[in-house]
């Protein structure tokens, strides 16, 4: 299994000979704009200065064409503007090849992809889906500590010939994540870990304490930390997350740079 950190939560995963692109956010540096630019300002973040930071904070490490080359399947864990490109008319995935199959979390997201012209949209089930010698499975997620910021999902990859991979997605540490870890004992766990937060929703994804909980629950697993350094509402950077994990005694993780490949 090979995983390339693209940017934010966008991962390119080669698993059982197939290439998956997870949460393909491919727009240019700063092109989404800031939280101040969103009509009606529906999301407020605790630091008013960060409200004005344009996102993505960094550009892509490769061209969109290079990133999309060789992809067999897309997986979009949820439709938020830092996980898939969203146009002004509400359609999604403009840079993507719409003939390539895309897996989504529910019928609502499927309808948006179908409206956007994608030809093969499938809702990922909570029962394993067999696909070319591997299985994919929808895993539960909680996208906020106060009020969830919409629905989201994690994804479990399993194969007799590959390590088991759990992409936790946009979630905080909560009992369903703990249950997933204890039930499937994944070899590799990808965690979105910049501790992004809004005033109304609280912390939206994992921070250092959540990562430490995962590490304690599955000490045999290799942790891959992602969703870093590209959204304004993040509370942690790669630098600060490393220092906090060191203080917590967590050391069995990989935190790849954008563009970097990691093999398991």
C-alpha atoms as a PDB file:
ATOM      1  CA  UNK A   1       0.000   0.000   0.000  1.00  0.00           C
ATOM      2  CA  UNK A   2       1.275   3.435  -0.977  1.00  0.00           C
ATOM      3  CA  UNK A   3      -0.258   6.732   0.148  1.00  0.00           C
ATOM      4  CA  UNK A   4       0.542  10.187  -1.184  1.00  0.00           C
ATOM      5  CA  UNK A   5      -0.300  13.208   0.926  1.00  0.00           C
ATOM      6  CA  UNK A   6      -1.602  15.732  -1.604  1.00  0.00           C
ATOM      7  CA  UNK A   7      -2.944  18.671   0.430  1.00  0.00           C
ATOM      8  CA  UNK A   8      -5.285  19.003   3.387  1.00  0.00           C
ATOM      9  CA  UNK A   9      -7.377  15.779   3.503  1.00  0.00           C
ATOM     10  CA  UNK A  10      -6.661  14.889  -0.132  1.00  0.00           C
ATOM     11  CA  UNK A  11      -4.869  11.532  -0.304  1.00  0.00           C
ATOM     12  CA  UNK A  12      -3.893   9.365  -3.264  1.00  0.00           C
ATOM     13  CA  UNK A  13      -3.983   5.729  -2.176  1.00  0.00           C
ATOM     14  CA  UNK A  14      -2.679   2.776  -4.171  1.00  0.00           C
ATOM     15  CA  UNK A  15      -4.285  -0.311  -2.645  1.00  0.00           C
ATOM     16  CA  UNK A  16      -4.516  -3.805  -4.107  1.00  0.00           C
ATOM     17  CA  UNK A  17      -3.373  -2.417  -7.455  1.00  0.00           C
ATOM     18  CA  UNK A  18      -6.112   0.227  -7.612  1.00  0.00           C
ATOM     19  CA  UNK A  19      -5.661   3.973  -7.167  1.00  0.00           C
ATOM     20  CA  UNK A  20      -8.126   5.932  -5.048  1.00  0.00           C
ATOM     21  CA  UNK A  21      -8.258   9.714  -4.711  1.00  0.00           C
ATOM     22  CA  UNK A  22      -9.767  10.719  -1.378  1.00  0.00           C
ATOM     23  CA  UNK A  23     -11.461  14.115  -0.904  1.00  0.00           C
ATOM     24  CA  UNK A  24     -10.061  15.799  -4.036  1.00  0.00           C
ATOM     25  CA  UNK A  25      -9.781  19.520  -3.194  1.00  0.00           C
ATOM     26  CA  UNK A  26      -7.824  20.737  -6.212  1.00  0.00           C
ATOM     27  CA  UNK A  27      -8.469  24.484  -6.490  1.00  0.00           C
ATOM     28  CA  UNK A  28      -5.578  26.958  -6.560  1.00  0.00           C
ATOM     29  CA  UNK A  29      -3.984  28.684  -3.584  1.00  0.00           C
ATOM     30  CA  UNK A  30      -6.373  31.172  -2.008  1.00  0.00           C
ATOM     31  CA  UNK A  31      -9.044  30.665  -4.666  1.00  0.00           C
ATOM     32  CA  UNK A  32     -11.767  29.554  -2.251  1.00  0.00           C
ATOM     33  CA  UNK A  33     -11.402  32.796  -0.320  1.00  0.00           C
ATOM     34  CA  UNK A  34     -11.847  33.376   3.405  1.00  0.00           C
ATOM     35  CA  UNK A  35     -14.635  32.783   5.910  1.00  0.00           C
ATOM     36  CA  UNK A  36     -15.414  36.494   5.579  1.00  0.00           C
ATOM     37  CA  UNK A  37     -16.134  35.910   1.876  1.00  0.00           C
ATOM     38  CA  UNK A  38     -18.852  33.289   2.416  1.00  0.00           C
ATOM     39  CA  UNK A  39     -22.278  34.940   1.864  1.00  0.00           C
ATOM     40  CA  UNK A  40     -24.042  35.437   5.172  1.00  0.00           C
ATOM     41  CA  UNK A  41     -20.929  34.384   7.108  1.00  0.00           C
ATOM     42  CA  UNK A  42     -22.486  31.109   8.315  1.00  0.00           C
ATOM     43  CA  UNK A  43     -19.267  29.988   9.994  1.00  0.00           C
ATOM     44  CA  UNK A  44     -17.537  32.047  12.655  1.00  0.00           C
ATOM     45  CA  UNK A  45     -14.192  30.987  14.048  1.00  0.00           C
ATOM     46  CA  UNK A  46     -12.803  31.973  17.454  1.00  0.00           C
ATOM     47  CA  UNK A  47      -9.907  34.044  16.100  1.00  0.00           C
ATOM     48  CA  UNK A  48     -11.281  36.998  14.054  1.00  0.00           C
ATOM     49  CA  UNK A  49      -7.940  37.466  12.294  1.00  0.00           C
ATOM     50  CA  UNK A  50      -8.201  33.950  10.833  1.00  0.00           C
ATOM     51  CA  UNK A  51     -11.614  34.843   9.387  1.00  0.00           C
ATOM     52  CA  UNK A  52      -9.748  36.836   6.723  1.00  0.00           C
ATOM     53  CA  UNK A  53      -7.183  34.201   5.671  1.00  0.00           C
ATOM     54  CA  UNK A  54      -7.747  32.980   2.101  1.00  0.00           C
ATOM     55  CA  UNK A  55      -7.819  29.216   1.542  1.00  0.00           C
ATOM     56  CA  UNK A  56      -6.293  26.898   0.540  1.00  0.00           C
ATOM     57  CA  UNK A  57      -3.328  28.442   2.329  1.00  0.00           C
ATOM     58  CA  UNK A  58      -0.854  26.609   0.048  1.00  0.00           C
ATOM     59  CA  UNK A  59      -0.972  25.523  -3.566  1.00  0.00           C
ATOM     60  CA  UNK A  60      -0.990  21.941  -4.789  1.00  0.00           C
ATOM     61  CA  UNK A  61       2.353  20.079  -4.759  1.00  0.00           C
ATOM     62  CA  UNK A  62       1.678  18.817  -8.302  1.00  0.00           C
ATOM     63  CA  UNK A  63      -0.533  19.957 -11.153  1.00  0.00           C
ATOM     64  CA  UNK A  64      -4.151  18.774 -11.039  1.00  0.00           C
ATOM     65  CA  UNK A  65      -3.441  16.693 -14.147  1.00  0.00           C
ATOM     66  CA  UNK A  66      -0.576  14.893 -12.428  1.00  0.00           C
ATOM     67  CA  UNK A  67      -2.680  14.258  -9.332  1.00  0.00           C
ATOM     68  CA  UNK A  68      -5.584  12.886 -11.371  1.00  0.00           C
ATOM     69  CA  UNK A  69      -3.390  10.696 -13.566  1.00  0.00           C
ATOM     70  CA  UNK A  70      -4.015   6.981 -13.059  1.00  0.00           C
ATOM     71  CA  UNK A  71      -6.930   7.360 -10.623  1.00  0.00           C
ATOM     72  CA  UNK A  72      -9.432   4.478 -10.747  1.00  0.00           C
ATOM     73  CA  UNK A  73     -11.918   5.671  -8.104  1.00  0.00           C
ATOM     74  CA  UNK A  74     -12.814   8.802  -6.167  1.00  0.00           C
ATOM     75  CA  UNK A  75     -14.012   8.731  -2.564  1.00  0.00           C
ATOM     76  CA  UNK A  76     -15.574  11.885  -1.105  1.00  0.00           C
ATOM     77  CA  UNK A  77     -16.190  11.518   2.625  1.00  0.00           C
ATOM     78  CA  UNK A  78     -18.543  14.531   2.657  1.00  0.00           C
ATOM     79  CA  UNK A  79     -19.319  17.597   0.602  1.00  0.00           C
ATOM     80  CA  UNK A  80     -17.515  20.449   2.323  1.00  0.00           C
ATOM     81  CA  UNK A  81     -15.476  23.032   0.387  1.00  0.00           C
ATOM     82  CA  UNK A  82     -12.165  21.858   1.848  1.00  0.00           C
ATOM     83  CA  UNK A  83     -12.808  18.274   0.680  1.00  0.00           C
ATOM     84  CA  UNK A  84     -14.107  18.733  -2.868  1.00  0.00           C
ATOM     85  CA  UNK A  85     -14.300  21.725  -5.189  1.00  0.00           C
ATOM     86  CA  UNK A  86     -17.746  23.354  -5.060  1.00  0.00           C
ATOM     87  CA  UNK A  87     -18.876  25.779  -7.769  1.00  0.00           C
ATOM     88  CA  UNK A  88     -21.077  28.843  -7.237  1.00  0.00           C
ATOM     89  CA  UNK A  89     -24.073  26.932  -8.626  1.00  0.00           C
ATOM     90  CA  UNK A  90     -23.624  24.138  -6.058  1.00  0.00           C
ATOM     91  CA  UNK A  91     -22.177  21.550  -8.432  1.00  0.00           C
ATOM     92  CA  UNK A  92     -19.047  19.732  -7.348  1.00  0.00           C
ATOM     93  CA  UNK A  93     -15.865  18.171  -8.686  1.00  0.00           C
ATOM     94  CA  UNK A  94     -15.347  20.358 -11.746  1.00  0.00           C
ATOM     95  CA  UNK A  95     -11.694  19.262 -12.344  1.00  0.00           C
ATOM     96  CA  UNK A  96     -12.510  15.548 -12.031  1.00  0.00           C
ATOM     97  CA  UNK A  97     -13.122  12.972 -14.768  1.00  0.00           C
ATOM     98  CA  UNK A  98     -16.861  12.413 -14.450  1.00  0.00           C
ATOM     99  CA  UNK A  99     -16.683   8.953 -16.016  1.00  0.00           C
ATOM    100  CA  UNK A 100     -14.649   7.627 -13.066  1.00  0.00           C
ATOM    101  CA  UNK A 101     -16.715   6.002 -10.281  1.00  0.00           C
ATOM    102  CA  UNK A 102     -17.155   8.026  -7.102  1.00  0.00           C
ATOM    103  CA  UNK A 103     -18.107   6.667  -3.678  1.00  0.00           C
ATOM    104  CA  UNK A 104     -20.021   8.921  -1.266  1.00  0.00           C
ATOM    105  CA  UNK A 105     -21.552   8.696   2.200  1.00  0.00           C
ATOM    106  CA  UNK A 106     -25.289   8.997   1.544  1.00  0.00           C
ATOM    107  CA  UNK A 107     -28.055   9.550  -0.997  1.00  0.00           C
ATOM    108  CA  UNK A 108     -28.014  13.321  -0.474  1.00  0.00           C
ATOM    109  CA  UNK A 109     -24.365  13.569  -1.513  1.00  0.00           C
ATOM    110  CA  UNK A 110     -24.997  11.110  -4.365  1.00  0.00           C
ATOM    111  CA  UNK A 111     -27.721  13.377  -5.749  1.00  0.00           C
ATOM    112  CA  UNK A 112     -25.327  16.337  -5.812  1.00  0.00           C
ATOM    113  CA  UNK A 113     -22.697  14.345  -7.692  1.00  0.00           C
ATOM    114  CA  UNK A 114     -25.278  13.077 -10.164  1.00  0.00           C
ATOM    115  CA  UNK A 115     -26.525  16.643 -10.727  1.00  0.00           C
ATOM    116  CA  UNK A 116     -22.868  17.587 -11.328  1.00  0.00           C
ATOM    117  CA  UNK A 117     -22.645  15.123 -14.217  1.00  0.00           C
ATOM    118  CA  UNK A 118     -20.898  12.135 -12.640  1.00  0.00           C
ATOM    119  CA  UNK A 119     -21.921   8.959 -14.410  1.00  0.00           C
ATOM    120  CA  UNK A 120     -21.226   6.312 -11.744  1.00  0.00           C
ATOM    121  CA  UNK A 121     -22.046   7.420  -8.186  1.00  0.00           C
ATOM    122  CA  UNK A 122     -22.324   4.820  -5.432  1.00  0.00           C
ATOM    123  CA  UNK A 123     -23.260   5.206  -1.788  1.00  0.00           C
ATOM    124  CA  UNK A 124     -20.726   3.402   0.356  1.00  0.00           C
ATOM    125  CA  UNK A 125     -22.511   0.983   2.650  1.00  0.00           C
ATOM    126  CA  UNK A 126     -21.889   0.109   6.280  1.00  0.00           C
ATOM    127  CA  UNK A 127     -21.562  -3.457   4.980  1.00  0.00           C
ATOM    128  CA  UNK A 128     -18.362  -4.340   3.099  1.00  0.00           C
ATOM    129  CA  UNK A 129     -18.410  -3.658  -0.632  1.00  0.00           C
ATOM    130  CA  UNK A 130     -16.228  -6.084  -2.613  1.00  0.00           C
ATOM    131  CA  UNK A 131     -14.251  -4.362  -5.341  1.00  0.00           C
ATOM    132  CA  UNK A 132     -11.443  -5.925  -7.385  1.00  0.00           C
ATOM    133  CA  UNK A 133      -9.999  -8.056  -4.591  1.00  0.00           C
ATOM    134  CA  UNK A 134     -10.540  -5.565  -1.774  1.00  0.00           C
ATOM    135  CA  UNK A 135     -13.421  -4.344   0.360  1.00  0.00           C
ATOM    136  CA  UNK A 136     -14.528  -0.817   1.187  1.00  0.00           C
ATOM    137  CA  UNK A 137     -16.755  -0.026   4.122  1.00  0.00           C
ATOM    138  CA  UNK A 138     -18.455   3.123   5.451  1.00  0.00           C
ATOM    139  CA  UNK A 139     -17.355   3.909   9.032  1.00  0.00           C
ATOM    140  CA  UNK A 140     -19.172   6.323  11.363  1.00  0.00           C
ATOM    141  CA  UNK A 141     -17.817   9.800  12.137  1.00  0.00           C
ATOM    142  CA  UNK A 142     -18.810  12.742  14.336  1.00  0.00           C
ATOM    143  CA  UNK A 143     -17.914  16.066  12.709  1.00  0.00           C
ATOM    144  CA  UNK A 144     -18.002  18.392  15.744  1.00  0.00           C
ATOM    145  CA  UNK A 145     -17.776  18.364  19.535  1.00  0.00           C
ATOM    146  CA  UNK A 146     -20.767  20.661  20.158  1.00  0.00           C
ATOM    147  CA  UNK A 147     -23.051  20.300  17.134  1.00  0.00           C
ATOM    148  CA  UNK A 148     -21.853  18.202  14.168  1.00  0.00           C
ATOM    149  CA  UNK A 149     -21.060  20.297  11.112  1.00  0.00           C
ATOM    150  CA  UNK A 150     -23.124  18.009   8.886  1.00  0.00           C
ATOM    151  CA  UNK A 151     -22.624  14.308   8.235  1.00  0.00           C
ATOM    152  CA  UNK A 152     -19.277  12.746   7.361  1.00  0.00           C
ATOM    153  CA  UNK A 153     -17.858   9.255   7.073  1.00  0.00           C
ATOM    154  CA  UNK A 154     -14.685   7.289   7.518  1.00  0.00           C
ATOM    155  CA  UNK A 155     -13.632   4.482   5.161  1.00  0.00           C
ATOM    156  CA  UNK A 156     -12.151   1.068   5.931  1.00  0.00           C
ATOM    157  CA  UNK A 157      -9.979  -0.649   3.297  1.00  0.00           C
ATOM    158  CA  UNK A 158      -9.380  -4.393   3.680  1.00  0.00           C
ATOM    159  CA  UNK A 159      -7.623  -7.024   1.571  1.00  0.00           C
ATOM    160  CA  UNK A 160      -5.942 -10.350   2.225  1.00  0.00           C
ATOM    161  CA  UNK A 161      -2.826  -9.002   0.515  1.00  0.00           C
ATOM    162  CA  UNK A 162      -2.602  -5.516   2.023  1.00  0.00           C
ATOM    163  CA  UNK A 163      -2.517  -3.902   5.479  1.00  0.00           C
ATOM    164  CA  UNK A 164      -5.936  -2.877   6.767  1.00  0.00           C
ATOM    165  CA  UNK A 165      -6.365   0.889   6.368  1.00  0.00           C
ATOM    166  CA  UNK A 166      -8.830   3.041   8.283  1.00  0.00           C
ATOM    167  CA  UNK A 167      -9.276   6.566   6.923  1.00  0.00           C
ATOM    168  CA  UNK A 168     -11.142   8.143   9.824  1.00  0.00           C
ATOM    169  CA  UNK A 169     -12.239  11.258   7.915  1.00  0.00           C
ATOM    170  CA  UNK A 170     -13.548  14.425   9.548  1.00  0.00           C
ATOM    171  CA  UNK A 171     -14.291  13.203  13.040  1.00  0.00           C
ATOM    172  CA  UNK A 172     -13.415  13.800  16.644  1.00  0.00           C
ATOM    173  CA  UNK A 173     -12.607  11.032  19.102  1.00  0.00           C
ATOM    174  CA  UNK A 174     -15.878   9.502  20.286  1.00  0.00           C
ATOM    175  CA  UNK A 175     -17.174   5.992  21.114  1.00  0.00           C
ATOM    176  CA  UNK A 176     -17.890   4.945  17.512  1.00  0.00           C
ATOM    177  CA  UNK A 177     -14.293   5.688  16.465  1.00  0.00           C
ATOM    178  CA  UNK A 178     -13.041   3.734  19.463  1.00  0.00           C
ATOM    179  CA  UNK A 179     -15.337   0.837  18.530  1.00  0.00           C
ATOM    180  CA  UNK A 180     -14.077   0.852  14.923  1.00  0.00           C
ATOM    181  CA  UNK A 181     -10.473   0.669  16.132  1.00  0.00           C
ATOM    182  CA  UNK A 182     -11.151  -2.137  18.612  1.00  0.00           C
ATOM    183  CA  UNK A 183     -13.252  -4.135  16.141  1.00  0.00           C
ATOM    184  CA  UNK A 184     -10.997  -3.997  13.073  1.00  0.00           C
ATOM    185  CA  UNK A 185      -7.539  -3.337  14.593  1.00  0.00           C
ATOM    186  CA  UNK A 186      -6.319  -1.526  11.456  1.00  0.00           C
ATOM    187  CA  UNK A 187      -2.629  -1.624  10.580  1.00  0.00           C
ATOM    188  CA  UNK A 188      -2.690   1.996   9.386  1.00  0.00           C
ATOM    189  CA  UNK A 189      -4.977   4.786  10.608  1.00  0.00           C
ATOM    190  CA  UNK A 190      -5.201   8.097   8.716  1.00  0.00           C
ATOM    191  CA  UNK A 191      -6.363  10.901  11.020  1.00  0.00           C
ATOM    192  CA  UNK A 192      -7.476  14.424  10.117  1.00  0.00           C
ATOM    193  CA  UNK A 193      -5.711  16.235  12.922  1.00  0.00           C
ATOM    194  CA  UNK A 194      -5.456  20.038  12.678  1.00  0.00           C
ATOM    195  CA  UNK A 195      -8.131  20.582  15.381  1.00  0.00           C
ATOM    196  CA  UNK A 196     -10.163  22.873  13.110  1.00  0.00           C
ATOM    197  CA  UNK A 197     -12.926  24.659  15.011  1.00  0.00           C
ATOM    198  CA  UNK A 198     -15.888  26.987  14.662  1.00  0.00           C
ATOM    199  CA  UNK A 199     -17.806  28.875  17.329  1.00  0.00           C
ATOM    200  CA  UNK A 200     -21.074  26.988  16.849  1.00  0.00           C
ATOM    201  CA  UNK A 201     -19.717  23.490  16.193  1.00  0.00           C
ATOM    202  CA  UNK A 202     -16.729  23.402  18.506  1.00  0.00           C
ATOM    203  CA  UNK A 203     -13.732  21.373  17.385  1.00  0.00           C
ATOM    204  CA  UNK A 204     -14.584  19.696  14.087  1.00  0.00           C
ATOM    205  CA  UNK A 205     -11.805  17.123  13.782  1.00  0.00           C
ATOM    206  CA  UNK A 206      -9.067  15.571  15.850  1.00  0.00           C
ATOM    207  CA  UNK A 207      -6.364  17.377  17.797  1.00  0.00           C
ATOM    208  CA  UNK A 208      -3.421  16.077  19.798  1.00  0.00           C
ATOM    209  CA  UNK A 209      -5.559  14.668  22.616  1.00  0.00           C
ATOM    210  CA  UNK A 210      -7.708  12.710  20.142  1.00  0.00           C
ATOM    211  CA  UNK A 211      -4.611  11.376  18.362  1.00  0.00           C
ATOM    212  CA  UNK A 212      -3.231  10.280  21.728  1.00  0.00           C
ATOM    213  CA  UNK A 213      -6.492   8.408  22.427  1.00  0.00           C
ATOM    214  CA  UNK A 214      -6.158   6.591  19.098  1.00  0.00           C
ATOM    215  CA  UNK A 215      -2.514   5.764  19.797  1.00  0.00           C
ATOM    216  CA  UNK A 216      -3.388   4.339  23.216  1.00  0.00           C
ATOM    217  CA  UNK A 217      -6.271   2.268  21.811  1.00  0.00           C
ATOM    218  CA  UNK A 218      -4.294   0.718  18.928  1.00  0.00           C
ATOM    219  CA  UNK A 219      -0.608   0.937  19.927  1.00  0.00           C
ATOM    220  CA  UNK A 220       0.300  -1.529  17.176  1.00  0.00           C
ATOM    221  CA  UNK A 221      -1.118   0.706  14.421  1.00  0.00           C
ATOM    222  CA  UNK A 222       0.870   3.187  12.360  1.00  0.00           C
ATOM    223  CA  UNK A 223      -0.798   6.599  12.421  1.00  0.00           C
ATOM    224  CA  UNK A 224      -0.756   8.864   9.371  1.00  0.00           C
ATOM    225  CA  UNK A 225      -1.631  12.455  10.270  1.00  0.00           C
ATOM    226  CA  UNK A 226      -3.230  14.606   7.602  1.00  0.00           C
ATOM    227  CA  UNK A 227      -5.587  17.617   7.028  1.00  0.00           C
ATOM    228  CA  UNK A 228      -2.842  20.038   8.089  1.00  0.00           C
ATOM    229  CA  UNK A 229      -1.695  23.588   7.292  1.00  0.00           C
ATOM    230  CA  UNK A 230      -4.312  24.553   4.689  1.00  0.00           C
ATOM    231  CA  UNK A 231      -7.475  25.796   6.416  1.00  0.00           C
ATOM    232  CA  UNK A 232      -7.812  29.017   8.382  1.00  0.00           C
ATOM    233  CA  UNK A 233      -9.878  27.523  11.208  1.00  0.00           C
ATOM    234  CA  UNK A 234      -7.128  25.057  12.166  1.00  0.00           C
ATOM    235  CA  UNK A 235      -5.857  25.269  15.734  1.00  0.00           C
ATOM    236  CA  UNK A 236      -2.754  23.129  15.109  1.00  0.00           C
ATOM    237  CA  UNK A 237      -0.025  23.148  12.486  1.00  0.00           C
ATOM    238  CA  UNK A 238       2.390  20.341  11.679  1.00  0.00           C
ATOM    239  CA  UNK A 239       4.923  22.078  13.927  1.00  0.00           C
ATOM    240  CA  UNK A 240       2.672  22.547  16.960  1.00  0.00           C
ATOM    241  CA  UNK A 241       1.090  19.109  16.589  1.00  0.00           C
ATOM    242  CA  UNK A 242       4.532  17.458  16.680  1.00  0.00           C
ATOM    243  CA  UNK A 243       5.457  19.262  19.881  1.00  0.00           C
ATOM    244  CA  UNK A 244       2.176  18.416  21.586  1.00  0.00           C
ATOM    245  CA  UNK A 245       2.377  14.756  20.621  1.00  0.00           C
ATOM    246  CA  UNK A 246       5.922  14.624  21.944  1.00  0.00           C
ATOM    247  CA  UNK A 247       4.665  15.970  25.261  1.00  0.00           C
ATOM    248  CA  UNK A 248       2.016  13.236  25.294  1.00  0.00           C
ATOM    249  CA  UNK A 249       4.565  10.509  24.536  1.00  0.00           C
ATOM    250  CA  UNK A 250       3.062   9.686  21.117  1.00  0.00           C
ATOM    251  CA  UNK A 251       5.765   8.782  18.606  1.00  0.00           C
ATOM    252  CA  UNK A 252       4.422   6.056  16.303  1.00  0.00           C
ATOM    253  CA  UNK A 253       3.068   8.324  13.594  1.00  0.00           C
ATOM    254  CA  UNK A 254       3.963   9.687  10.174  1.00  0.00           C
ATOM    255  CA  UNK A 255       3.190  13.295   9.226  1.00  0.00           C
ATOM    256  CA  UNK A 256       4.039  13.536   5.509  1.00  0.00           C
ATOM    257  CA  UNK A 257       4.692  16.787   3.691  1.00  0.00           C
ATOM    258  CA  UNK A 258       2.385  17.747   0.828  1.00  0.00           C
ATOM    259  CA  UNK A 259       3.405  15.721  -2.210  1.00  0.00           C
ATOM    260  CA  UNK A 260       5.215  13.042  -0.193  1.00  0.00           C
ATOM    261  CA  UNK A 261       4.607   9.306  -0.736  1.00  0.00           C
ATOM    262  CA  UNK A 262       4.602   6.830   2.146  1.00  0.00           C
ATOM    263  CA  UNK A 263       4.694   3.028   1.758  1.00  0.00           C
ATOM    264  CA  UNK A 264       3.281   0.480   4.223  1.00  0.00           C
END
